[in-house]
């Protein structure tokens, strides 16, 4: 494996870890963000599921 590839992977891993830590800190400070992040896709699923259930087949 070339040195450049291993350096790029290490840098990507470090940035990913830093962003993940930042996200979890924000979630601890504002738990409503987590609730909204879970509820919103469920609401879209219910709304669009009902809409597409009545769509004609074929």
PDB file of N, CA and C in Angstrom:
ATOM      1  N   UNK A   1       0.853  -1.173   0.000  1.00  0.00           N
ATOM      2  CA  UNK A   1       0.000   0.000   0.000  1.00  0.00           C
ATOM      3  C   UNK A   1       0.900   1.237   0.000  1.00  0.00           C
ATOM      4  N   UNK A   2       0.660   2.159  -0.915  1.00  0.00           N
ATOM      5  CA  UNK A   2       1.487   3.370  -0.960  1.00  0.00           C
ATOM      6  C   UNK A   2       1.292   4.234   0.283  1.00  0.00           C
ATOM      7  N   UNK A   3       2.291   5.026   0.574  1.00  0.00           N
ATOM      8  CA  UNK A   3       2.243   5.898   1.750  1.00  0.00           C
ATOM      9  C   UNK A   3       1.087   6.881   1.639  1.00  0.00           C
ATOM     10  N   UNK A   4       0.854   7.392   0.431  1.00  0.00           N
ATOM     11  CA  UNK A   4      -0.223   8.364   0.232  1.00  0.00           C
ATOM     12  C   UNK A   4      -1.579   7.770   0.598  1.00  0.00           C
ATOM     13  N   UNK A   5      -1.817   6.528   0.201  1.00  0.00           N
ATOM     14  CA  UNK A   5      -3.100   5.884   0.483  1.00  0.00           C
ATOM     15  C   UNK A   5      -3.307   5.706   1.984  1.00  0.00           C
ATOM     16  N   UNK A   6      -2.275   5.263   2.689  1.00  0.00           N
ATOM     17  CA  UNK A   6      -2.423   5.069   4.131  1.00  0.00           C
ATOM     18  C   UNK A   6      -2.594   6.403   4.849  1.00  0.00           C
ATOM     19  N   UNK A   7      -1.931   7.451   4.357  1.00  0.00           N
ATOM     20  CA  UNK A   7      -2.097   8.781   4.947  1.00  0.00           C
ATOM     21  C   UNK A   7      -3.510   9.293   4.712  1.00  0.00           C
ATOM     22  N   UNK A   8      -4.025   9.079   3.513  1.00  0.00           N
ATOM     23  CA  UNK A   8      -5.379   9.528   3.197  1.00  0.00           C
ATOM     24  C   UNK A   8      -6.409   8.789   4.043  1.00  0.00           C
ATOM     25  N   UNK A   9      -6.207   7.501   4.232  1.00  0.00           N
ATOM     26  CA  UNK A   9      -7.131   6.719   5.060  1.00  0.00           C
ATOM     27  C   UNK A   9      -7.071   7.183   6.510  1.00  0.00           C
ATOM     28  N   UNK A  10      -5.888   7.452   7.012  1.00  0.00           N
ATOM     29  CA  UNK A  10      -5.739   7.927   8.393  1.00  0.00           C
ATOM     30  C   UNK A  10      -6.410   9.286   8.567  1.00  0.00           C
ATOM     31  N   UNK A  11      -6.240  10.157   7.582  1.00  0.00           N
ATOM     32  CA  UNK A  11      -6.853  11.482   7.655  1.00  0.00           C
ATOM     33  C   UNK A  11      -8.376  11.378   7.607  1.00  0.00           C
ATOM     34  N   UNK A  12      -8.880  10.529   6.734  1.00  0.00           N
ATOM     35  CA  UNK A  12     -10.320  10.324   6.634  1.00  0.00           C
ATOM     36  C   UNK A  12     -10.880   9.766   7.939  1.00  0.00           C
ATOM     37  N   UNK A  13     -10.185   8.825   8.531  1.00  0.00           N
ATOM     38  CA  UNK A  13     -10.617   8.238   9.802  1.00  0.00           C
ATOM     39  C   UNK A  13     -10.640   9.282  10.910  1.00  0.00           C
ATOM     40  N   UNK A  14      -9.622  10.118  10.947  1.00  0.00           N
ATOM     41  CA  UNK A  14      -9.540  11.156  11.977  1.00  0.00           C
ATOM     42  C   UNK A  14     -10.676  12.168  11.822  1.00  0.00           C
ATOM     43  N   UNK A  15     -10.953  12.575  10.595  1.00  0.00           N
ATOM     44  CA  UNK A  15     -12.033  13.531  10.354  1.00  0.00           C
ATOM     45  C   UNK A  15     -13.392  12.926  10.685  1.00  0.00           C
ATOM     46  N   UNK A  16     -13.582  11.674  10.331  1.00  0.00           N
ATOM     47  CA  UNK A  16     -14.840  10.995  10.630  1.00  0.00           C
ATOM     48  C   UNK A  16     -15.055  10.885  12.132  1.00  0.00           C
ATOM     49  N   UNK A  17     -14.017  10.542  12.855  1.00  0.00           N
ATOM     50  CA  UNK A  17     -14.107  10.440  14.310  1.00  0.00           C
ATOM     51  C   UNK A  17     -14.421  11.799  14.936  1.00  0.00           C
ATOM     52  N   UNK A  18     -13.773  12.846  14.457  1.00  0.00           N
ATOM     53  CA  UNK A  18     -14.012  14.189  14.993  1.00  0.00           C
ATOM     54  C   UNK A  18     -15.450  14.631  14.737  1.00  0.00           C
ATOM     55  N   UNK A  19     -15.959  14.370  13.538  1.00  0.00           N
ATOM     56  CA  UNK A  19     -17.337  14.751  13.225  1.00  0.00           C
ATOM     57  C   UNK A  19     -18.339  13.940  14.040  1.00  0.00           C
ATOM     58  N   UNK A  20     -18.040  12.675  14.262  1.00  0.00           N
ATOM     59  CA  UNK A  20     -18.927  11.830  15.064  1.00  0.00           C
ATOM     60  C   UNK A  20     -18.984  12.315  16.507  1.00  0.00           C
ATOM     61  N   UNK A  21     -17.828  12.645  17.073  1.00  0.00           N
ATOM     62  CA  UNK A  21     -17.796  13.178  18.440  1.00  0.00           C
ATOM     63  C   UNK A  21     -18.605  14.462  18.538  1.00  0.00           C
ATOM     64  N   UNK A  22     -18.447  15.321  17.546  1.00  0.00           N
ATOM     65  CA  UNK A  22     -19.171  16.590  17.539  1.00  0.00           C
ATOM     66  C   UNK A  22     -20.679  16.359  17.473  1.00  0.00           C
ATOM     67  N   UNK A  23     -21.104  15.409  16.640  1.00  0.00           N
ATOM     68  CA  UNK A  23     -22.522  15.090  16.525  1.00  0.00           C
ATOM     69  C   UNK A  23     -23.081  14.583  17.846  1.00  0.00           C
ATOM     70  N   UNK A  24     -22.357  13.677  18.509  1.00  0.00           N
ATOM     71  CA  UNK A  24     -22.846  13.137  19.769  1.00  0.00           C
ATOM     72  C   UNK A  24     -22.878  14.189  20.872  1.00  0.00           C
ATOM     73  N   UNK A  25     -21.941  15.121  20.862  1.00  0.00           N
ATOM     74  CA  UNK A  25     -21.992  16.224  21.829  1.00  0.00           C
ATOM     75  C   UNK A  25     -23.228  17.083  21.603  1.00  0.00           C
ATOM     76  N   UNK A  26     -23.541  17.361  20.342  1.00  0.00           N
ATOM     77  CA  UNK A  26     -24.730  18.152  20.031  1.00  0.00           C
ATOM     78  C   UNK A  26     -26.000  17.411  20.441  1.00  0.00           C
ATOM     79  N   UNK A  27     -26.021  16.097  20.244  1.00  0.00           N
ATOM     80  CA  UNK A  27     -27.195  15.316  20.634  1.00  0.00           C
ATOM     81  C   UNK A  27     -27.380  15.306  22.146  1.00  0.00           C
ATOM     82  N   UNK A  28     -26.293  15.317  22.896  1.00  0.00           N
ATOM     83  CA  UNK A  28     -26.405  15.364  24.353  1.00  0.00           C
ATOM     84  C   UNK A  28     -26.958  16.707  24.807  1.00  0.00           C
ATOM     85  N   UNK A  29     -26.586  17.767  24.108  1.00  0.00           N
ATOM     86  CA  UNK A  29     -27.054  19.099  24.496  1.00  0.00           C
ATOM     87  C   UNK A  29     -28.492  19.347  24.060  1.00  0.00           C
ATOM     88  N   UNK A  30     -28.876  18.764  22.905  1.00  0.00           N
ATOM     89  CA  UNK A  30     -30.228  18.959  22.379  1.00  0.00           C
ATOM     90  C   UNK A  30     -30.822  17.611  21.970  1.00  0.00           C
ATOM     91  N   UNK A  31     -31.404  16.877  22.902  1.00  0.00           N
ATOM     92  CA  UNK A  31     -31.990  15.578  22.562  1.00  0.00           C
ATOM     93  C   UNK A  31     -33.165  15.693  21.594  1.00  0.00           C
ATOM     94  N   UNK A  32     -33.769  16.862  21.505  1.00  0.00           N
ATOM     95  CA  UNK A  32     -34.888  17.039  20.581  1.00  0.00           C
ATOM     96  C   UNK A  32     -34.457  16.826  19.136  1.00  0.00           C
ATOM     97  N   UNK A  33     -33.187  17.053  18.838  1.00  0.00           N
ATOM     98  CA  UNK A  33     -32.670  16.822  17.492  1.00  0.00           C
ATOM     99  C   UNK A  33     -32.764  15.341  17.143  1.00  0.00           C
ATOM    100  N   UNK A  34     -32.457  14.492  18.093  1.00  0.00           N
ATOM    101  CA  UNK A  34     -32.542  13.052  17.863  1.00  0.00           C
ATOM    102  C   UNK A  34     -33.993  12.628  17.658  1.00  0.00           C
ATOM    103  N   UNK A  35     -34.883  13.153  18.482  1.00  0.00           N
ATOM    104  CA  UNK A  35     -36.300  12.816  18.358  1.00  0.00           C
ATOM    105  C   UNK A  35     -36.828  13.256  16.996  1.00  0.00           C
ATOM    106  N   UNK A  36     -36.496  14.472  16.595  1.00  0.00           N
ATOM    107  CA  UNK A  36     -36.943  14.971  15.296  1.00  0.00           C
ATOM    108  C   UNK A  36     -36.332  14.161  14.159  1.00  0.00           C
ATOM    109  N   UNK A  37     -35.091  13.762  14.315  1.00  0.00           N
ATOM    110  CA  UNK A  37     -34.422  12.977  13.282  1.00  0.00           C
ATOM    111  C   UNK A  37     -35.024  11.598  13.106  1.00  0.00           C
ATOM    112  N   UNK A  38     -35.633  11.074  14.151  1.00  0.00           N
ATOM    113  CA  UNK A  38     -36.286   9.765  14.061  1.00  0.00           C
ATOM    114  C   UNK A  38     -37.735   9.916  13.602  1.00  0.00           C
ATOM    115  N   UNK A  39     -38.424  10.918  14.115  1.00  0.00           N
ATOM    116  CA  UNK A  39     -39.840  11.083  13.788  1.00  0.00           C
ATOM    117  C   UNK A  39     -40.081  11.555  12.359  1.00  0.00           C
ATOM    118  N   UNK A  40     -39.258  12.437  11.860  1.00  0.00           N
ATOM    119  CA  UNK A  40     -39.494  12.988  10.528  1.00  0.00           C
ATOM    120  C   UNK A  40     -39.544  11.914   9.438  1.00  0.00           C
ATOM    121  N   UNK A  41     -38.569  11.000   9.366  1.00  0.00           N
ATOM    122  CA  UNK A  41     -38.680   9.955   8.333  1.00  0.00           C
ATOM    123  C   UNK A  41     -39.912   9.064   8.514  1.00  0.00           C
ATOM    124  N   UNK A  42     -40.301   8.820   9.764  1.00  0.00           N
ATOM    125  CA  UNK A  42     -41.497   8.014   9.996  1.00  0.00           C
ATOM    126  C   UNK A  42     -42.750   8.722   9.493  1.00  0.00           C
ATOM    127  N   UNK A  43     -42.818  10.026   9.710  1.00  0.00           N
ATOM    128  CA  UNK A  43     -43.958  10.800   9.220  1.00  0.00           C
ATOM    129  C   UNK A  43     -43.999  10.778   7.700  1.00  0.00           C
ATOM    130  N   UNK A  44     -42.842  10.972   7.051  1.00  0.00           N
ATOM    131  CA  UNK A  44     -42.790  10.915   5.577  1.00  0.00           C
ATOM    132  C   UNK A  44     -43.219   9.543   5.084  1.00  0.00           C
ATOM    133  N   UNK A  45     -42.794   8.496   5.773  1.00  0.00           N
ATOM    134  CA  UNK A  45     -43.144   7.139   5.373  1.00  0.00           C
ATOM    135  C   UNK A  45     -44.656   6.928   5.436  1.00  0.00           C
ATOM    136  N   UNK A  46     -45.276   7.403   6.488  1.00  0.00           N
ATOM    137  CA  UNK A  46     -46.726   7.263   6.627  1.00  0.00           C
ATOM    138  C   UNK A  46     -47.447   8.077   5.556  1.00  0.00           C
ATOM    139  N   UNK A  47     -47.032   9.331   5.368  1.00  0.00           N
ATOM    140  CA  UNK A  47     -47.709  10.185   4.388  1.00  0.00           C
ATOM    141  C   UNK A  47     -47.557   9.662   2.968  1.00  0.00           C
ATOM    142  N   UNK A  48     -46.338   9.372   2.558  1.00  0.00           N
ATOM    143  CA  UNK A  48     -46.127   8.911   1.189  1.00  0.00           C
ATOM    144  C   UNK A  48     -46.595   7.475   1.005  1.00  0.00           C
ATOM    145  N   UNK A  49     -46.553   6.674   2.045  1.00  0.00           N
ATOM    146  CA  UNK A  49     -47.072   5.311   1.952  1.00  0.00           C
ATOM    147  C   UNK A  49     -48.559   5.313   1.669  1.00  0.00           C
ATOM    148  N   UNK A  50     -49.294   6.192   2.344  1.00  0.00           N
ATOM    149  CA  UNK A  50     -50.730   6.304   2.101  1.00  0.00           C
ATOM    150  C   UNK A  50     -50.997   6.843   0.697  1.00  0.00           C
ATOM    151  N   UNK A  51     -50.180   7.759   0.250  1.00  0.00           N
ATOM    152  CA  UNK A  51     -50.353   8.336  -1.087  1.00  0.00           C
ATOM    153  C   UNK A  51     -50.114   7.290  -2.168  1.00  0.00           C
ATOM    154  N   UNK A  52     -49.028   6.539  -2.050  1.00  0.00           N
ATOM    155  CA  UNK A  52     -48.685   5.563  -3.085  1.00  0.00           C
ATOM    156  C   UNK A  52     -49.504   4.281  -2.981  1.00  0.00           C
ATOM    157  N   UNK A  53     -50.149   4.050  -1.860  1.00  0.00           N
ATOM    158  CA  UNK A  53     -51.001   2.868  -1.735  1.00  0.00           C
ATOM    159  C   UNK A  53     -52.202   2.976  -2.668  1.00  0.00           C
ATOM    160  N   UNK A  54     -52.624   4.200  -2.968  1.00  0.00           N
ATOM    161  CA  UNK A  54     -53.781   4.419  -3.841  1.00  0.00           C
ATOM    162  C   UNK A  54     -53.384   4.633  -5.294  1.00  0.00           C
ATOM    163  N   UNK A  55     -52.104   4.555  -5.600  1.00  0.00           N
ATOM    164  CA  UNK A  55     -51.639   4.752  -6.977  1.00  0.00           C
ATOM    165  C   UNK A  55     -52.030   3.545  -7.824  1.00  0.00           C
ATOM    166  N   UNK A  56     -52.421   3.807  -9.068  1.00  0.00           N
ATOM    167  CA  UNK A  56     -52.798   2.686  -9.943  1.00  0.00           C
ATOM    168  C   UNK A  56     -51.586   1.819 -10.288  1.00  0.00           C
ATOM    169  N   UNK A  57     -51.799   0.529 -10.374  1.00  0.00           N
ATOM    170  CA  UNK A  57     -50.732  -0.410 -10.733  1.00  0.00           C
ATOM    171  C   UNK A  57     -50.677  -0.572 -12.248  1.00  0.00           C
ATOM    172  N   UNK A  58     -49.473  -0.745 -12.774  1.00  0.00           N
ATOM    173  CA  UNK A  58     -49.318  -1.050 -14.205  1.00  0.00           C
ATOM    174  C   UNK A  58     -49.283   0.092 -15.108  1.00  0.00           C
TER     175      UNK A  58
END
